[in-house]
């Protein structure tokens, strides 16, 4: 109240404010709703989600980040968990569902502590301590893996695909993934492995079985020769990459040409024809028999190319041109008349192939392949999309395993070992932080618990049996969804990169702590409605 008992209005009319526990519980409820949405998709026995957008397009997947990207999430706290999945996907490429489930469970455990009057700041600091200890445990139980250990890398790829639709062909795809990644491995200035996954190109086509997918050490360009009379196959291809048009340039200023008799017109047309022919003959003179042009090719120039037996494609994407340059050793030329023999690249074979109902150019047999193309097949377009997502996850995990040189076991075994060691650690800390660390340890058990639940088994029985085995010293004891028993994951070759766990634990902890520290939500009225955790509409946030 101000002077004269008149109310002092600070916030705009219609602004809603939630404080204290109400704000915390609403935010936690919204974040947990996101976690619960993807929970049933975890593991080999996880279920798929069908996502239909506003245009009616359908996506069927069990890939955590794809599900969350396609969901139209409005609540600001829920968006933080979507961000967790996106970060996990960007950093590792897999483990997105794990990170979101873990963040949701950390918040659920925090709710019980807040109800017991433990201050959120104490919970947050306990979670931070637990995160540091979890990272230490994770590093200690990790095993080494090298680039030369192809069998192990294939097993890592297979583990990433075990919960996907490609599970039945995981051995076939595992070999393909490792071959693709090993082809594009490079080293940075310090001698560490550097892998740019943009050098793996996928081309999707439905209408065939998924295990009819195959790898091309070179490139597949979604283009065909500009003229049907051009050769369909060129062996010992000398490739020219040209970022200039095979067309007569228009004048840059407005100009008018006056022709007063027919001979002048024929001379004008003849000169234009000569200019185009000179361009084609210049390319021919340096020895090129295949031309990829980023811009247009005039009809007359097409005729000359066909006449000289040169395979020419136009309007090739810039990204494809760059990949072609890396793979074939060709330089991209900006001025046609200045092309030199040293600018040309080489491939054993350039061939036009029909895939389904579409013609594509295959560049094969390059000297030092720095790029790889994978032709992804599936019974329908939706299946091909899901196969591609599975392969992207698989070569992402192989990439980080090679870069870090470390791996851990799956099946919830690593999460359980971290939980067991965190409980011992909590006892050594004492005080109220101990309660938060114990809650963190219990939250880690959500991974084996969810795996068991999704496989139709009793999660409590599974967690108790896993605790027993880990207490007895079997640090690789994890849940096998196919037998319903706790088994040695190292013996079953269920392995994944160290970075999946590292990133998932880090980002889940950060998100949980950030949401826990919010005790006041001030939401201005806006046109869009945000949904709170209890299902009530809440005005949208303004900047």
Protein backbone atom coordinates (compact mmCIF):
# COMPACT_ATOMS: atom_id res chain seq x y z
CA UNK A 1 0.00 0.00 0.00
CA UNK A 2 1.30 3.45 -0.85
CA UNK A 3 0.37 6.92 0.46
CA UNK A 4 -3.31 7.34 1.25
CA UNK A 5 -3.71 3.56 1.24
CA UNK A 6 -3.88 3.50 -2.59
CA UNK A 7 -2.61 0.19 -4.10
CA UNK A 8 0.76 0.35 -5.89
CA UNK A 9 0.50 -1.62 -9.15
CA UNK A 10 3.88 -2.98 -10.24
CA UNK A 11 2.95 -5.76 -12.63
CA UNK A 12 0.74 -5.50 -15.69
CA UNK A 13 -2.93 -6.37 -15.25
CA UNK A 14 -3.55 -10.08 -15.83
CA UNK A 15 -0.04 -11.10 -14.72
CA UNK A 16 -0.01 -14.33 -12.73
CA UNK A 17 2.52 -14.93 -10.01
CA UNK A 18 3.28 -18.17 -8.22
CA UNK A 19 5.64 -18.25 -5.24
CA UNK A 20 7.31 -20.78 -2.98
CA UNK A 21 6.39 -24.44 -3.01
CA UNK A 22 3.50 -23.94 -5.47
CA UNK A 23 5.91 -22.59 -8.10
CA UNK A 24 8.43 -25.37 -7.43
CA UNK A 25 5.86 -28.17 -7.55
CA UNK A 26 4.27 -26.83 -10.74
CA UNK A 27 7.65 -26.65 -12.49
CA UNK A 28 8.63 -30.12 -11.26
CA UNK A 29 5.26 -31.56 -12.37
CA UNK A 30 5.70 -30.10 -15.87
CA UNK A 31 9.27 -31.45 -16.18
CA UNK A 32 8.20 -34.88 -14.91
CA UNK A 33 5.37 -34.96 -17.46
CA UNK A 34 8.01 -34.68 -20.22
CA UNK A 35 10.11 -37.40 -18.57
CA UNK A 36 7.08 -39.73 -18.33
CA UNK A 37 6.25 -39.12 -22.00
CA UNK A 38 9.49 -40.76 -23.18
CA UNK A 39 9.96 -43.25 -20.35
CA UNK A 40 8.17 -46.16 -22.04
CA UNK A 41 10.51 -45.93 -25.07
CA UNK A 42 13.71 -46.84 -23.13
CA UNK A 43 15.55 -50.08 -23.85
CA UNK A 44 15.23 -53.01 -26.25
CA UNK A 45 11.64 -53.65 -25.19
CA UNK A 46 10.65 -49.97 -25.30
CA UNK A 47 7.57 -48.91 -27.27
CA UNK A 48 7.38 -46.49 -30.20
CA UNK A 49 5.51 -43.18 -30.34
CA UNK A 50 3.42 -41.92 -33.23
CA UNK A 51 3.68 -38.14 -33.59
CA UNK A 52 1.28 -36.27 -35.85
CA UNK A 53 1.99 -32.61 -36.57
CA UNK A 54 -0.48 -29.84 -37.45
CA UNK A 55 -0.17 -30.67 -41.16
CA UNK A 56 -0.96 -34.34 -40.57
CA UNK A 57 2.60 -35.57 -41.21
CA UNK A 58 3.37 -38.71 -39.22
CA UNK A 59 6.63 -39.68 -37.47
CA UNK A 60 6.92 -43.12 -35.82
CA UNK A 61 9.97 -43.46 -33.56
CA UNK A 62 11.32 -44.37 -30.13
CA UNK A 63 14.23 -41.93 -30.42
CA UNK A 64 13.99 -39.63 -27.38
CA UNK A 65 15.18 -36.41 -28.98
CA UNK A 66 12.98 -36.90 -32.08
CA UNK A 67 9.91 -37.41 -29.85
CA UNK A 68 10.65 -34.25 -27.84
CA UNK A 69 11.49 -32.13 -30.90
CA UNK A 70 8.19 -33.11 -32.54
CA UNK A 71 6.13 -32.43 -29.39
CA UNK A 72 4.81 -28.89 -29.17
CA UNK A 73 6.05 -28.16 -25.64
CA UNK A 74 4.91 -24.83 -24.17
CA UNK A 75 5.71 -24.86 -20.44
CA UNK A 76 9.06 -23.12 -19.74
CA UNK A 77 10.23 -25.75 -17.18
CA UNK A 78 9.30 -28.57 -19.56
CA UNK A 79 11.30 -26.84 -22.30
CA UNK A 80 14.40 -27.17 -20.10
CA UNK A 81 14.10 -30.96 -20.30
CA UNK A 82 13.69 -30.78 -24.07
CA UNK A 83 16.93 -28.79 -24.04
CA UNK A 84 18.60 -31.60 -22.04
CA UNK A 85 17.70 -34.06 -24.82
CA UNK A 86 18.91 -31.68 -27.55
CA UNK A 87 22.24 -31.14 -25.77
CA UNK A 88 22.71 -34.89 -25.30
CA UNK A 89 21.96 -35.41 -28.99
CA UNK A 90 24.42 -32.70 -30.07
CA UNK A 91 27.23 -33.89 -27.79
CA UNK A 92 26.86 -37.68 -28.07
CA UNK A 93 24.07 -38.57 -30.50
CA UNK A 94 22.51 -41.20 -28.20
CA UNK A 95 21.30 -41.52 -24.60
CA UNK A 96 18.68 -38.76 -24.97
CA UNK A 97 15.89 -40.79 -23.33
CA UNK A 98 18.22 -41.77 -20.45
CA UNK A 99 19.17 -38.14 -19.72
CA UNK A 100 15.54 -36.95 -19.68
CA UNK A 101 14.32 -39.85 -17.49
CA UNK A 102 17.18 -39.22 -15.05
CA UNK A 103 16.39 -35.49 -14.82
CA UNK A 104 12.72 -36.30 -14.18
CA UNK A 105 13.59 -38.78 -11.44
CA UNK A 106 16.00 -36.35 -9.74
CA UNK A 107 13.13 -33.85 -9.58
CA UNK A 108 10.72 -36.49 -8.26
CA UNK A 109 13.12 -37.36 -5.40
CA UNK A 110 13.59 -33.65 -4.72
CA UNK A 111 9.79 -33.25 -4.28
CA UNK A 112 9.84 -35.70 -1.36
CA UNK A 113 12.74 -33.81 0.25
CA UNK A 114 11.01 -30.42 -0.16
CA UNK A 115 7.91 -31.93 1.47
CA UNK A 116 10.15 -32.98 4.36
CA UNK A 117 11.26 -29.31 4.67
CA UNK A 118 14.73 -29.78 3.21
CA UNK A 119 15.63 -26.47 1.56
CA UNK A 120 16.07 -26.59 -2.27
CA UNK A 121 19.53 -24.99 -1.93
CA UNK A 122 20.70 -27.92 0.24
CA UNK A 123 19.22 -30.39 -2.29
CA UNK A 124 20.99 -28.54 -5.14
CA UNK A 125 24.38 -28.57 -3.39
CA UNK A 126 23.93 -32.28 -2.50
CA UNK A 127 23.11 -33.04 -6.13
CA UNK A 128 26.24 -31.19 -7.24
CA UNK A 129 28.41 -33.24 -4.87
CA UNK A 130 26.72 -36.44 -6.06
CA UNK A 131 27.30 -35.47 -9.71
CA UNK A 132 31.04 -34.97 -9.10
CA UNK A 133 31.27 -38.34 -7.35
CA UNK A 134 29.23 -40.06 -10.09
CA UNK A 135 31.62 -38.74 -12.74
CA UNK A 136 34.57 -40.05 -10.74
CA UNK A 137 32.98 -43.53 -10.40
CA UNK A 138 32.09 -43.56 -14.10
CA UNK A 139 35.68 -42.82 -15.08
CA UNK A 140 37.05 -45.50 -12.74
CA UNK A 141 34.86 -48.30 -14.13
CA UNK A 142 35.35 -47.31 -17.81
CA UNK A 143 37.40 -49.61 -20.06
CA UNK A 144 39.64 -48.66 -22.96
CA UNK A 145 38.73 -49.02 -26.64
CA UNK A 146 40.87 -48.17 -29.69
CA UNK A 147 40.31 -47.41 -33.37
CA UNK A 148 41.90 -50.76 -34.30
CA UNK A 149 39.45 -52.72 -32.14
CA UNK A 150 36.79 -53.08 -34.84
CA UNK A 151 34.90 -55.91 -33.13
CA UNK A 152 34.35 -53.82 -29.99
CA UNK A 153 33.31 -50.77 -32.03
CA UNK A 154 30.79 -52.94 -33.87
CA UNK A 155 29.38 -54.11 -30.53
CA UNK A 156 29.05 -50.46 -29.40
CA UNK A 157 27.14 -49.69 -32.61
CA UNK A 158 24.92 -52.75 -32.08
CA UNK A 159 24.11 -51.69 -28.50
CA UNK A 160 22.93 -48.30 -29.81
CA UNK A 161 20.66 -50.06 -32.34
CA UNK A 162 19.33 -52.78 -30.03
CA UNK A 163 16.28 -50.71 -29.04
CA UNK A 164 15.54 -49.59 -32.61
CA UNK A 165 13.60 -51.12 -35.47
CA UNK A 166 16.89 -52.28 -37.08
CA UNK A 167 17.56 -54.64 -34.14
CA UNK A 168 17.12 -57.79 -36.24
CA UNK A 169 19.84 -56.66 -38.68
CA UNK A 170 22.14 -55.02 -36.10
CA UNK A 171 25.21 -57.16 -37.01
CA UNK A 172 24.93 -56.12 -40.67
CA UNK A 173 24.44 -52.46 -39.82
CA UNK A 174 27.15 -52.57 -37.11
CA UNK A 175 29.79 -53.51 -39.72
CA UNK A 176 28.48 -50.84 -42.08
CA UNK A 177 28.58 -48.13 -39.39
CA UNK A 178 32.17 -48.91 -38.27
CA UNK A 179 33.35 -49.04 -41.90
CA UNK A 180 31.71 -45.67 -42.58
CA UNK A 181 33.21 -43.98 -39.49
CA UNK A 182 36.71 -45.44 -40.00
CA UNK A 183 36.70 -44.10 -43.57
CA UNK A 184 36.27 -40.50 -42.44
CA UNK A 185 38.60 -40.57 -39.39
CA UNK A 186 41.09 -37.71 -39.38
CA UNK A 187 43.63 -36.39 -36.88
CA UNK A 188 43.87 -32.87 -35.52
CA UNK A 189 47.08 -30.89 -34.95
CA UNK A 190 47.66 -32.54 -31.57
CA UNK A 191 47.35 -36.04 -33.03
CA UNK A 192 43.92 -36.76 -31.52
CA UNK A 193 41.21 -38.40 -33.60
CA UNK A 194 38.76 -35.96 -35.15
CA UNK A 195 35.64 -37.23 -36.89
CA UNK A 196 33.24 -34.94 -38.77
CA UNK A 197 29.99 -36.85 -39.24
CA UNK A 198 28.88 -34.36 -41.90
CA UNK A 199 31.16 -36.37 -44.20
CA UNK A 200 28.71 -39.27 -43.98
CA UNK A 201 25.85 -38.69 -46.38
CA UNK A 202 22.57 -40.61 -46.26
CA UNK A 203 20.22 -41.08 -49.21
CA UNK A 204 16.84 -42.58 -48.26
CA UNK A 205 14.65 -44.66 -50.56
CA UNK A 206 11.66 -46.82 -49.65
CA UNK A 207 10.49 -49.92 -51.47
CA UNK A 208 13.08 -52.48 -50.30
CA UNK A 209 14.10 -54.40 -47.17
CA UNK A 210 16.16 -52.43 -44.64
CA UNK A 211 19.13 -54.82 -44.93
CA UNK A 212 19.37 -53.95 -48.63
CA UNK A 213 20.95 -50.67 -47.49
CA UNK A 214 24.59 -50.40 -48.49
CA UNK A 215 27.62 -48.16 -48.25
CA UNK A 216 29.43 -46.38 -51.08
CA UNK A 217 33.01 -45.22 -50.45
CA UNK A 218 32.49 -42.08 -52.43
CA UNK A 219 29.31 -40.18 -53.08
CA UNK A 220 25.76 -40.52 -54.30
CA UNK A 221 24.56 -37.34 -56.00
CA UNK A 222 20.84 -36.92 -56.44
CA UNK A 223 21.33 -35.74 -60.05
CA UNK A 224 21.33 -37.21 -63.54
CA UNK A 225 23.21 -36.12 -66.70
CA UNK A 226 21.66 -33.04 -68.30
CA UNK A 227 21.24 -34.81 -71.65
CA UNK A 228 20.02 -38.37 -72.30
CA UNK A 229 22.71 -38.84 -75.01
CA UNK A 230 25.52 -38.53 -72.46
CA UNK A 231 27.33 -41.72 -71.35
CA UNK A 232 25.73 -43.64 -68.45
CA UNK A 233 29.08 -44.97 -67.21
CA UNK A 234 32.49 -43.30 -67.18
CA UNK A 235 35.51 -45.33 -66.03
CA UNK A 236 38.76 -43.66 -64.94
CA UNK A 237 36.76 -40.50 -64.41
CA UNK A 238 38.59 -37.18 -64.37
CA UNK A 239 36.22 -34.90 -62.55
CA UNK A 240 35.88 -31.12 -62.92
CA UNK A 241 33.97 -29.18 -60.24
CA UNK A 242 32.80 -25.84 -61.59
CA UNK A 243 31.06 -23.05 -59.71
CA UNK A 244 30.20 -21.03 -62.82
CA UNK A 245 27.44 -21.19 -65.42
CA UNK A 246 27.96 -22.64 -68.90
CA UNK A 247 25.86 -19.80 -70.22
CA UNK A 248 26.49 -16.53 -72.06
CA UNK A 249 26.56 -13.78 -69.47
CA UNK A 250 24.12 -10.93 -69.74
CA UNK A 251 25.56 -7.42 -69.60
CA UNK A 252 25.62 -5.87 -66.15
CA UNK A 253 24.25 -2.57 -67.46
CA UNK A 254 21.17 -2.10 -69.64
CA UNK A 255 22.22 -2.37 -73.26
CA UNK A 256 20.47 -2.38 -76.59
CA UNK A 257 21.75 -4.18 -79.67
CA UNK A 258 20.52 -2.94 -83.03
CA UNK A 259 20.68 -5.43 -85.87
CA UNK A 260 20.04 -3.96 -89.30
CA UNK A 261 20.54 -6.94 -91.61
CA UNK A 262 20.22 -10.78 -91.31
CA UNK A 263 23.99 -11.39 -91.62
CA UNK A 264 24.56 -9.46 -88.39
CA UNK A 265 22.03 -11.67 -86.60
CA UNK A 266 23.69 -14.88 -87.79
CA UNK A 267 27.10 -13.49 -86.74
CA UNK A 268 25.68 -12.62 -83.32
CA UNK A 269 24.24 -16.15 -82.85
CA UNK A 270 27.46 -17.71 -84.17
CA UNK A 271 29.53 -15.71 -81.67
CA UNK A 272 27.29 -16.84 -78.80
CA UNK A 273 27.63 -20.44 -79.98
CA UNK A 274 31.42 -20.06 -80.22
CA UNK A 275 31.63 -18.76 -76.65
CA UNK A 276 29.72 -21.77 -75.30
CA UNK A 277 31.75 -24.19 -77.43
CA UNK A 278 35.01 -22.62 -76.21
CA UNK A 279 33.93 -23.19 -72.59
CA UNK A 280 33.16 -26.87 -73.26
CA UNK A 281 36.35 -27.38 -75.31
CA UNK A 282 38.44 -25.78 -72.55
CA UNK A 283 37.07 -28.38 -70.09
CA UNK A 284 37.69 -31.12 -72.64
CA UNK A 285 41.25 -29.86 -73.32
CA UNK A 286 42.36 -30.31 -69.68
CA UNK A 287 41.19 -33.95 -69.84
CA UNK A 288 37.92 -33.82 -67.89
CA UNK A 289 35.32 -36.44 -68.82
CA UNK A 290 32.90 -35.73 -65.93
CA UNK A 291 31.63 -32.26 -64.99
CA UNK A 292 29.65 -31.28 -61.90
CA UNK A 293 28.38 -27.73 -62.22
CA UNK A 294 26.92 -25.77 -59.32
CA UNK A 295 25.06 -23.45 -61.69
CA UNK A 296 23.19 -23.79 -64.99
CA UNK A 297 24.25 -25.39 -68.30
CA UNK A 298 22.84 -23.84 -71.49
CA UNK A 299 21.03 -26.15 -73.97
CA UNK A 300 23.73 -25.56 -76.56
CA UNK A 301 26.49 -26.32 -74.05
CA UNK A 302 24.62 -29.54 -73.17
CA UNK A 303 24.75 -30.50 -76.84
CA UNK A 304 28.52 -29.92 -77.01
CA UNK A 305 29.11 -31.92 -73.80
CA UNK A 306 27.09 -34.84 -75.18
CA UNK A 307 28.93 -34.65 -78.50
CA UNK A 308 32.30 -34.86 -76.70
CA UNK A 309 31.10 -37.79 -74.56
CA UNK A 310 31.37 -35.84 -71.29
CA UNK A 311 29.08 -36.73 -68.34
CA UNK A 312 27.70 -33.41 -67.03
CA UNK A 313 25.33 -32.61 -64.12
CA UNK A 314 24.03 -29.15 -63.27
CA UNK A 315 22.76 -27.34 -60.17
CA UNK A 316 24.65 -29.64 -57.80
CA UNK A 317 24.30 -28.57 -54.14
CA UNK A 318 27.18 -26.67 -52.60
CA UNK A 319 27.53 -29.26 -49.80
CA UNK A 320 27.79 -32.04 -52.41
CA UNK A 321 30.40 -30.05 -54.34
CA UNK A 322 32.49 -29.71 -51.17
CA UNK A 323 32.19 -33.43 -50.43
CA UNK A 324 33.19 -34.23 -54.01
CA UNK A 325 36.24 -32.00 -53.64
CA UNK A 326 37.32 -33.76 -50.41
CA UNK A 327 36.82 -37.25 -51.82
CA UNK A 328 38.13 -36.93 -55.36
CA UNK A 329 40.86 -34.35 -54.74
CA UNK A 330 39.29 -31.89 -57.21
CA UNK A 331 39.39 -28.13 -56.72
CA UNK A 332 36.23 -26.09 -57.21
CA UNK A 333 36.88 -23.69 -60.14
CA UNK A 334 35.12 -20.32 -60.36
CA UNK A 335 36.32 -19.31 -63.84
CA UNK A 336 35.81 -21.87 -66.57
CA UNK A 337 38.51 -20.53 -68.90
CA UNK A 338 41.14 -20.74 -66.13
CA UNK A 339 40.64 -24.44 -65.33
CA UNK A 340 43.84 -26.48 -65.23
CA UNK A 341 44.62 -30.19 -65.24
CA UNK A 342 45.71 -29.94 -61.59
CA UNK A 343 42.16 -28.88 -60.65
CA UNK A 344 40.70 -32.23 -61.69
CA UNK A 345 39.77 -35.02 -59.30
CA UNK A 346 39.78 -38.77 -59.90
CA UNK A 347 37.37 -41.67 -59.40
CA UNK A 348 37.49 -45.18 -60.80
CA UNK A 349 33.87 -45.03 -61.86
CA UNK A 350 31.04 -42.53 -62.28
CA UNK A 351 27.80 -44.30 -63.04
CA UNK A 352 24.12 -43.46 -63.47
CA UNK A 353 21.96 -45.90 -61.49
CA UNK A 354 18.23 -46.15 -61.01
CA UNK A 355 17.14 -46.38 -57.37
CA UNK A 356 13.41 -47.05 -57.16
CA UNK A 357 12.01 -44.59 -59.73
CA UNK A 358 14.81 -42.05 -59.53
CA UNK A 359 18.10 -41.71 -61.41
CA UNK A 360 21.19 -40.99 -59.27
CA UNK A 361 24.88 -40.51 -59.96
CA UNK A 362 27.26 -42.82 -58.07
CA UNK A 363 30.91 -41.74 -57.73
CA UNK A 364 32.91 -44.81 -56.68
CA UNK A 365 36.51 -45.88 -56.25
CA UNK A 366 38.06 -42.61 -55.12
CA UNK A 367 41.75 -42.71 -54.08
CA UNK A 368 41.42 -41.38 -50.54
CA UNK A 369 37.76 -41.43 -49.55
CA UNK A 370 37.13 -38.62 -47.08
CA UNK A 371 33.38 -38.94 -47.46
CA UNK A 372 31.01 -41.88 -47.40
CA UNK A 373 27.47 -42.30 -48.71
CA UNK A 374 24.95 -44.73 -47.29
CA UNK A 375 21.92 -45.69 -49.35
CA UNK A 376 19.22 -46.32 -46.72
CA UNK A 377 16.36 -48.63 -47.71
CA UNK A 378 13.11 -49.50 -45.97
CA UNK A 379 9.74 -51.03 -46.80
CA UNK A 380 8.09 -47.61 -46.62
CA UNK A 381 9.31 -44.01 -46.32
CA UNK A 382 8.55 -44.06 -42.55
CA UNK A 383 10.66 -47.20 -42.08
CA UNK A 384 13.54 -45.68 -44.09
CA UNK A 385 13.36 -42.55 -41.88
CA UNK A 386 13.61 -44.66 -38.71
CA UNK A 387 16.49 -46.73 -40.17
CA UNK A 388 18.34 -43.47 -40.88
CA UNK A 389 17.76 -42.23 -37.30
CA UNK A 390 19.09 -45.55 -35.97
CA UNK A 391 22.22 -45.33 -38.12
CA UNK A 392 22.85 -41.71 -37.10
CA UNK A 393 22.70 -42.78 -33.42
CA UNK A 394 25.03 -45.72 -34.11
CA UNK A 395 27.78 -43.82 -35.89
CA UNK A 396 27.52 -40.99 -33.35
CA UNK A 397 28.34 -43.42 -30.51
CA UNK A 398 31.16 -45.05 -32.51
CA UNK A 399 32.58 -41.56 -33.16
CA UNK A 400 32.64 -40.57 -29.46
CA UNK A 401 34.01 -44.01 -28.45
CA UNK A 402 36.95 -43.53 -30.85
CA UNK A 403 37.53 -39.91 -29.78
CA UNK A 404 37.42 -40.65 -26.02
CA UNK A 405 38.89 -44.16 -26.23
CA UNK A 406 36.65 -45.26 -23.34
CA UNK A 407 33.52 -47.39 -22.88
CA UNK A 408 31.22 -48.66 -20.12
CA UNK A 409 28.66 -51.47 -19.86
CA UNK A 410 24.93 -50.97 -20.45
CA UNK A 411 21.78 -52.66 -19.20
CA UNK A 412 21.63 -50.30 -16.20
CA UNK A 413 24.81 -51.84 -14.74
CA UNK A 414 26.78 -48.57 -14.74
CA UNK A 415 23.87 -46.62 -13.19
CA UNK A 416 23.53 -49.24 -10.43
CA UNK A 417 27.27 -49.22 -9.65
CA UNK A 418 27.18 -45.41 -9.38
CA UNK A 419 24.13 -45.65 -7.06
CA UNK A 420 25.87 -48.20 -4.80
CA UNK A 421 29.05 -46.12 -4.49
CA UNK A 422 27.06 -42.90 -3.95
CA UNK A 423 25.34 -44.40 -0.90
CA UNK A 424 28.73 -45.20 0.67
CA UNK A 425 29.91 -41.69 -0.23
CA UNK A 426 26.79 -40.09 1.33
CA UNK A 427 27.59 -41.66 4.70
CA UNK A 428 31.04 -40.03 4.64
CA UNK A 429 29.58 -36.55 3.93
CA UNK A 430 27.03 -36.40 6.75
CA UNK A 431 24.66 -33.50 7.42
CA UNK A 432 21.62 -32.65 5.32
CA UNK A 433 23.60 -32.97 2.08
CA UNK A 434 23.77 -36.70 2.84
CA UNK A 435 19.99 -36.97 2.35
CA UNK A 436 20.25 -35.27 -1.08
CA UNK A 437 23.11 -37.58 -2.17
CA UNK A 438 21.11 -40.64 -1.10
CA UNK A 439 18.13 -39.31 -3.09
CA UNK A 440 20.45 -38.88 -6.09
CA UNK A 441 21.63 -42.50 -5.69
CA UNK A 442 18.01 -43.71 -5.65
CA UNK A 443 17.29 -41.63 -8.77
CA UNK A 444 20.13 -43.38 -10.64
CA UNK A 445 18.26 -46.67 -10.14
CA UNK A 446 15.46 -45.40 -12.40
CA UNK A 447 17.46 -46.67 -15.41
CA UNK A 448 17.47 -50.42 -14.54
CA UNK A 449 14.00 -50.01 -13.03
CA UNK A 450 12.57 -48.59 -16.29
CA UNK A 451 14.33 -51.23 -18.40
CA UNK A 452 12.66 -53.93 -16.29
CA UNK A 453 9.27 -52.22 -16.36
CA UNK A 454 9.34 -51.82 -20.17
CA UNK A 455 10.22 -55.52 -20.54
CA UNK A 456 7.19 -56.53 -18.44
CA UNK A 457 9.12 -57.53 -15.29
CA UNK A 458 8.83 -56.39 -11.70
CA UNK A 459 11.22 -53.42 -11.32
CA UNK A 460 11.52 -53.86 -7.52
CA UNK A 461 12.68 -57.48 -7.82
CA UNK A 462 15.19 -56.54 -10.55
CA UNK A 463 16.65 -53.60 -8.59
CA UNK A 464 16.99 -55.74 -5.41
CA UNK A 465 18.78 -58.51 -7.35
CA UNK A 466 21.10 -55.96 -9.03
CA UNK A 467 21.97 -54.40 -5.69
CA UNK A 468 22.80 -57.86 -4.34
CA UNK A 469 25.12 -58.67 -7.27
CA UNK A 470 26.88 -55.28 -7.15
CA UNK A 471 27.35 -55.64 -3.40
CA UNK A 472 29.01 -59.00 -4.15
CA UNK A 473 31.47 -57.27 -6.52
CA UNK A 474 29.87 -57.86 -9.95
CA UNK A 475 30.15 -54.26 -11.20
CA UNK A 476 28.92 -55.29 -14.67
CA UNK A 477 25.67 -56.85 -13.40
CA UNK A 478 22.83 -55.45 -15.51
CA UNK A 479 19.30 -56.35 -16.57
CA UNK A 480 18.82 -58.57 -19.63
CA UNK A 481 15.33 -57.75 -21.03
CA UNK A 482 15.27 -60.94 -23.12
CA UNK A 483 15.73 -63.37 -20.21
CA UNK A 484 14.39 -61.17 -17.42
CA UNK A 485 17.49 -61.91 -15.33
CA UNK A 486 20.41 -59.91 -13.97
CA UNK A 487 23.50 -60.94 -15.95
CA UNK A 488 27.08 -59.85 -16.64
CA UNK A 489 26.80 -57.12 -19.32
CA UNK A 490 30.53 -57.31 -20.16
CA UNK A 491 30.13 -61.01 -20.99
CA UNK A 492 27.01 -60.24 -23.08
CA UNK A 493 28.92 -57.47 -24.93
CA UNK A 494 26.35 -54.80 -24.03
CA UNK A 495 28.67 -51.79 -24.16
CA UNK A 496 28.34 -48.08 -24.84
CA UNK A 497 30.66 -45.05 -24.95
CA UNK A 498 31.76 -43.45 -21.69
CA UNK A 499 30.55 -40.04 -22.95
CA UNK A 500 26.87 -41.15 -23.00
CA UNK A 501 26.85 -41.57 -19.21
CA UNK A 502 29.07 -38.57 -18.58
CA UNK A 503 26.89 -36.17 -20.57
CA UNK A 504 23.55 -37.65 -19.45
CA UNK A 505 24.44 -37.35 -15.74
CA UNK A 506 25.86 -33.84 -16.17
CA UNK A 507 22.97 -32.38 -18.16
CA UNK A 508 20.28 -34.10 -16.04
CA UNK A 509 21.86 -32.72 -12.85
CA UNK A 510 22.18 -29.19 -14.29
CA UNK A 511 18.55 -29.15 -15.45
CA UNK A 512 17.24 -30.54 -12.14
CA UNK A 513 19.24 -28.00 -10.09
CA UNK A 514 18.12 -25.12 -12.30
CA UNK A 515 14.42 -26.07 -11.94
CA UNK A 516 14.80 -26.63 -8.17
CA UNK A 517 16.23 -23.15 -7.62
CA UNK A 518 13.15 -21.45 -9.10
CA UNK A 519 10.76 -20.37 -6.33
CA UNK A 520 8.94 -17.53 -8.08
CA UNK A 521 7.22 -17.63 -11.48
CA UNK A 522 5.96 -14.32 -12.85
CA UNK A 523 4.02 -14.88 -16.05
CA UNK A 524 2.59 -11.98 -18.05
CA UNK A 525 -0.57 -12.39 -20.02
CA UNK A 526 0.16 -13.22 -23.65
CA UNK A 527 -1.66 -14.62 -26.66
CA UNK A 528 -0.17 -18.10 -26.24
CA UNK A 529 -1.28 -20.25 -23.31
CA UNK A 530 1.24 -22.22 -21.32
CA UNK A 531 0.18 -25.43 -19.60
CA UNK A 532 1.15 -25.88 -15.96
CA UNK A 533 1.99 -29.21 -14.40
CA UNK A 534 -1.49 -29.55 -12.81
CA UNK A 535 -3.20 -29.10 -16.17
CA UNK A 536 -4.39 -25.50 -15.53
CA UNK A 537 -3.75 -22.90 -18.26
CA UNK A 538 -1.11 -20.38 -17.33
CA UNK A 539 -0.36 -17.16 -19.27
CA UNK A 540 2.75 -17.23 -21.46
CA UNK A 541 6.06 -15.73 -20.47
CA UNK A 542 7.04 -12.30 -21.78
CA UNK A 543 10.67 -11.21 -22.20
